[in-house]
C-alpha atoms as a PDB file:
ATOM      1  CA  MET A   1       0.000   0.000   0.000  1.00  0.00           C
ATOM      2  CA  VAL A   2       1.273   3.487  -0.913  1.00  0.00           C
ATOM      3  CA  ALA A   3       0.468   6.412   1.343  1.00  0.00           C
ATOM      4  CA  ILE A   4      -0.192   9.749  -0.316  1.00  0.00           C
ATOM      5  CA  VAL A   5       0.526  12.849   1.726  1.00  0.00           C
ATOM      6  CA  VAL A   6      -1.147  16.079   0.692  1.00  0.00           C
ATOM      7  CA  SER A   7       0.822  19.109   1.791  1.00  0.00           C
ATOM      8  CA  MET A   8      -1.014  22.032   3.324  1.00  0.00           C
ATOM      9  CA  VAL A   9       2.013  24.265   2.915  1.00  0.00           C
ATOM     10  CA  ILE A  10       1.788  26.905   0.202  1.00  0.00           C
ATOM     11  CA  ALA A  11       4.872  28.850  -0.814  1.00  0.00           C
ATOM     12  CA  HIS A  12       3.991  32.491  -1.472  1.00  0.00           C
ATOM     13  CA  ARG A  13       7.239  34.065  -2.634  1.00  0.00           C
ATOM     14  CA  VAL A  14      10.993  33.858  -2.484  1.00  0.00           C
ATOM     15  CA  ALA A  15      13.546  36.624  -1.925  1.00  0.00           C
ATOM     16  CA  PRO A  16      17.235  36.272  -2.720  1.00  0.00           C
ATOM     17  CA  ILE A  17      19.670  37.528  -0.087  1.00  0.00           C
ATOM     18  CA  PHE A  18      22.490  39.556  -1.595  1.00  0.00           C
ATOM     19  CA  PRO A  19      25.691  39.940   0.444  1.00  0.00           C
ATOM     20  CA  VAL A  20      26.787  43.587   0.717  1.00  0.00           C
ATOM     21  CA  ARG A  21      29.695  45.352   2.396  1.00  0.00           C
ATOM     22  CA  GLU A  22      28.065  48.750   3.021  1.00  0.00           C
ATOM     23  CA  LEU A  23      24.317  48.763   3.511  1.00  0.00           C
ATOM     24  CA  THR A  24      23.845  52.483   2.797  1.00  0.00           C
ATOM     25  CA  VAL A  25      25.636  52.133  -0.561  1.00  0.00           C
ATOM     26  CA  ALA A  26      23.548  49.082  -1.486  1.00  0.00           C
ATOM     27  CA  LEU A  27      20.266  50.719  -0.459  1.00  0.00           C
ATOM     28  CA  ALA A  28      21.130  53.824  -2.513  1.00  0.00           C
ATOM     29  CA  HIS A  29      21.922  51.650  -5.551  1.00  0.00           C
ATOM     30  CA  TYR A  30      18.604  49.813  -5.398  1.00  0.00           C
ATOM     31  CA  ALA A  31      16.720  53.074  -4.780  1.00  0.00           C
ATOM     32  CA  ARG A  32      18.302  54.414  -8.006  1.00  0.00           C
ATOM     33  CA  LEU A  33      16.887  51.337  -9.772  1.00  0.00           C
ATOM     34  CA  GLY A  34      13.407  52.300  -8.534  1.00  0.00           C
ATOM     35  CA  PHE A  35      13.157  49.880  -5.630  1.00  0.00           C
ATOM     36  CA  ALA A  36      11.551  51.038  -2.390  1.00  0.00           C
ATOM     37  CA  THR A  37      14.311  50.474   0.160  1.00  0.00           C
ATOM     38  CA  HIS A  38      14.650  50.485   3.913  1.00  0.00           C
ATOM     39  CA  PRO A  39      17.103  49.163   6.479  1.00  0.00           C
ATOM     40  CA  TYR A  40      16.137  46.687   9.155  1.00  0.00           C
ATOM     41  CA  GLY A  41      15.830  48.533  12.461  1.00  0.00           C
ATOM     42  CA  GLY A  42      18.285  46.197  14.186  1.00  0.00           C
ATOM     43  CA  GLY A  43      21.042  47.018  11.684  1.00  0.00           C
ATOM     44  CA  GLY A  44      23.082  44.935   9.269  1.00  0.00           C
ATOM     45  CA  TYR A  45      20.200  44.096   6.955  1.00  0.00           C
ATOM     46  CA  GLY A  46      17.977  45.842   4.449  1.00  0.00           C
ATOM     47  CA  PHE A  47      15.159  45.351   1.996  1.00  0.00           C
ATOM     48  CA  ALA A  48      14.572  46.443  -1.596  1.00  0.00           C
ATOM     49  CA  ARG A  49      11.099  46.036  -3.133  1.00  0.00           C
ATOM     50  CA  LEU A  50       9.919  46.632  -6.692  1.00  0.00           C
ATOM     51  CA  ASP A  51       6.300  45.828  -7.444  1.00  0.00           C
ATOM     52  CA  GLY A  52       5.846  42.299  -6.049  1.00  0.00           C
ATOM     53  CA  CYS A  53       9.571  41.486  -6.066  1.00  0.00           C
ATOM     54  CA  GLU A  54      11.891  41.708  -3.087  1.00  0.00           C
ATOM     55  CA  ILE A  55      15.632  41.452  -2.522  1.00  0.00           C
ATOM     56  CA  HIS A  56      17.171  41.206   0.929  1.00  0.00           C
ATOM     57  CA  LEU A  57      20.556  42.813   1.569  1.00  0.00           C
ATOM     58  CA  GLY A  58      22.739  41.332   4.292  1.00  0.00           C
ATOM     59  CA  VAL A  59      25.938  43.003   5.478  1.00  0.00           C
ATOM     60  CA  VAL A  60      28.997  40.774   5.394  1.00  0.00           C
ATOM     61  CA  PRO A  61      32.057  42.013   7.332  1.00  0.00           C
ATOM     62  CA  VAL A  62      35.013  43.056   5.184  1.00  0.00           C
ATOM     63  CA  ASP A  63      37.247  40.417   6.805  1.00  0.00           C
ATOM     64  CA  ARG A  64      34.840  37.623   5.832  1.00  0.00           C
ATOM     65  CA  PRO A  65      35.012  36.264   2.276  1.00  0.00           C
ATOM     66  CA  THR A  66      31.790  36.288   0.286  1.00  0.00           C
ATOM     67  CA  THR A  67      30.533  35.239  -3.110  1.00  0.00           C
ATOM     68  CA  PRO A  68      28.135  37.485  -5.042  1.00  0.00           C
ATOM     69  CA  SER A  69      24.595  36.228  -5.566  1.00  0.00           C
ATOM     70  CA  SER A  70      22.219  36.556  -8.472  1.00  0.00           C
ATOM     71  CA  ALA A  71      18.519  36.800  -9.192  1.00  0.00           C
ATOM     72  CA  TYR A  72      16.352  36.782 -12.288  1.00  0.00           C
ATOM     73  CA  LEU A  73      13.728  39.505 -12.656  1.00  0.00           C
ATOM     74  CA  PHE A  74      10.921  38.695 -15.086  1.00  0.00           C
ATOM     75  CA  VAL A  75       9.532  41.884 -16.640  1.00  0.00           C
ATOM     76  CA  ASN A  76       7.138  42.735 -19.435  1.00  0.00           C
ATOM     77  CA  GLU A  77       9.575  45.047 -21.301  1.00  0.00           C
ATOM     78  CA  ALA A  78      13.309  44.448 -20.825  1.00  0.00           C
ATOM     79  CA  ASP A  79      14.336  47.238 -23.238  1.00  0.00           C
ATOM     80  CA  GLN A  80      12.158  49.783 -21.474  1.00  0.00           C
ATOM     81  CA  LEU A  81      13.522  48.804 -18.062  1.00  0.00           C
ATOM     82  CA  ALA A  82      17.094  48.988 -19.386  1.00  0.00           C
ATOM     83  CA  GLY A  83      16.371  52.514 -20.632  1.00  0.00           C
ATOM     84  CA  ILE A  84      14.949  53.611 -17.286  1.00  0.00           C
ATOM     85  CA  TRP A  85      17.906  52.189 -15.382  1.00  0.00           C
ATOM     86  CA  THR A  86      20.430  53.664 -17.838  1.00  0.00           C
ATOM     87  CA  ALA A  87      18.784  57.096 -17.482  1.00  0.00           C
ATOM     88  CA  ALA A  88      19.160  56.716 -13.698  1.00  0.00           C
ATOM     89  CA  GLY A  89      22.930  56.414 -14.181  1.00  0.00           C
ATOM     90  CA  VAL A  90      23.187  52.666 -13.677  1.00  0.00           C
ATOM     91  CA  ASP A  91      25.541  50.555 -15.808  1.00  0.00           C
ATOM     92  CA  VAL A  92      23.234  48.215 -17.726  1.00  0.00           C
ATOM     93  CA  ARG A  93      24.212  45.480 -20.136  1.00  0.00           C
ATOM     94  CA  THR A  94      21.771  45.958 -22.979  1.00  0.00           C
ATOM     95  CA  PRO A  95      19.159  43.231 -23.389  1.00  0.00           C
ATOM     96  CA  GLN A  96      19.871  40.660 -26.084  1.00  0.00           C
ATOM     97  CA  ASP A  97      17.773  37.843 -27.491  1.00  0.00           C
ATOM     98  CA  THR A  98      18.632  34.403 -26.121  1.00  0.00           C
ATOM     99  CA  GLU A  99      18.186  30.946 -27.588  1.00  0.00           C
ATOM    100  CA  TRP A 100      15.766  30.116 -24.740  1.00  0.00           C
ATOM    101  CA  GLY A 101      13.274  32.755 -25.858  1.00  0.00           C
ATOM    102  CA  GLN A 102      14.037  35.597 -23.491  1.00  0.00           C
ATOM    103  CA  HIS A 103      15.276  39.118 -24.266  1.00  0.00           C
ATOM    104  CA  GLU A 104      17.729  39.588 -21.366  1.00  0.00           C
ATOM    105  CA  GLY A 105      19.892  42.281 -19.847  1.00  0.00           C
ATOM    106  CA  VAL A 106      22.113  42.473 -16.772  1.00  0.00           C
ATOM    107  CA  VAL A 107      22.770  44.901 -13.922  1.00  0.00           C
ATOM    108  CA  ILE A 108      25.584  44.339 -11.432  1.00  0.00           C
ATOM    109  CA  ASP A 109      25.409  46.094  -8.068  1.00  0.00           C
ATOM    110  CA  PRO A 110      28.392  47.685  -6.253  1.00  0.00           C
ATOM    111  CA  ASP A 111      29.077  44.370  -4.456  1.00  0.00           C
ATOM    112  CA  GLY A 112      29.074  42.277  -7.638  1.00  0.00           C
ATOM    113  CA  ASN A 113      25.574  40.837  -7.161  1.00  0.00           C
ATOM    114  CA  ILE A 114      23.818  40.254 -10.467  1.00  0.00           C
ATOM    115  CA  ILE A 115      20.262  40.950 -11.522  1.00  0.00           C
ATOM    116  CA  ARG A 116      19.472  39.389 -14.873  1.00  0.00           C
ATOM    117  CA  PHE A 117      16.218  40.737 -16.215  1.00  0.00           C
ATOM    118  CA  GLY A 118      14.212  39.645 -19.193  1.00  0.00           C
ATOM    119  CA  SER A 119      11.006  39.587 -21.132  1.00  0.00           C
ATOM    120  CA  PRO A 120       9.799  37.166 -23.784  1.00  0.00           C
ATOM    121  CA  ILE A 121      11.241  37.742 -27.250  1.00  0.00           C
ATOM    122  CA  ARG A 122       8.723  39.606 -29.340  1.00  0.00           C
ATOM    123  CA  SER A 123       7.213  37.920 -32.350  1.00  0.00           C
ATOM    124  CA  PRO A 124       8.615  39.292 -35.631  1.00  0.00           C
ATOM    125  CA  HIS A 125       5.033  40.261 -36.466  1.00  0.00           C
ATOM    126  CA  HIS A 126       4.732  42.475 -33.378  1.00  0.00           C
ATOM    127  CA  THR A 127       4.673  46.207 -34.003  1.00  0.00           C
ATOM    128  CA  HIS A 128       5.374  49.015 -31.553  1.00  0.00           C
END
């Protein structure tokens, strides 16, 4: 006999945690990208929210080695977002079409953390 277990747990969302050296610098960077940012009241941690997406920022001491993290941000218009971020003075790698059907760009924060962002490749029959 095989027992079937039905889970009552529902996952609602996930938030990557990016390691940062200076929280104020990281919060300013994400604010420039249009995220609503705020530090955790207890210090050493912060939050960046854009629409329904969230990134956590955790301070890592300078004497402790760290590896940058990454996240993928699904958007409806990668080119438009790249333009907004470029106009805000952020270094953006221009979106390019990929073989997996996404039009993707990249932003790297001051600590080397990567946000890849993309939208579906437009049909050649689509007009602006």
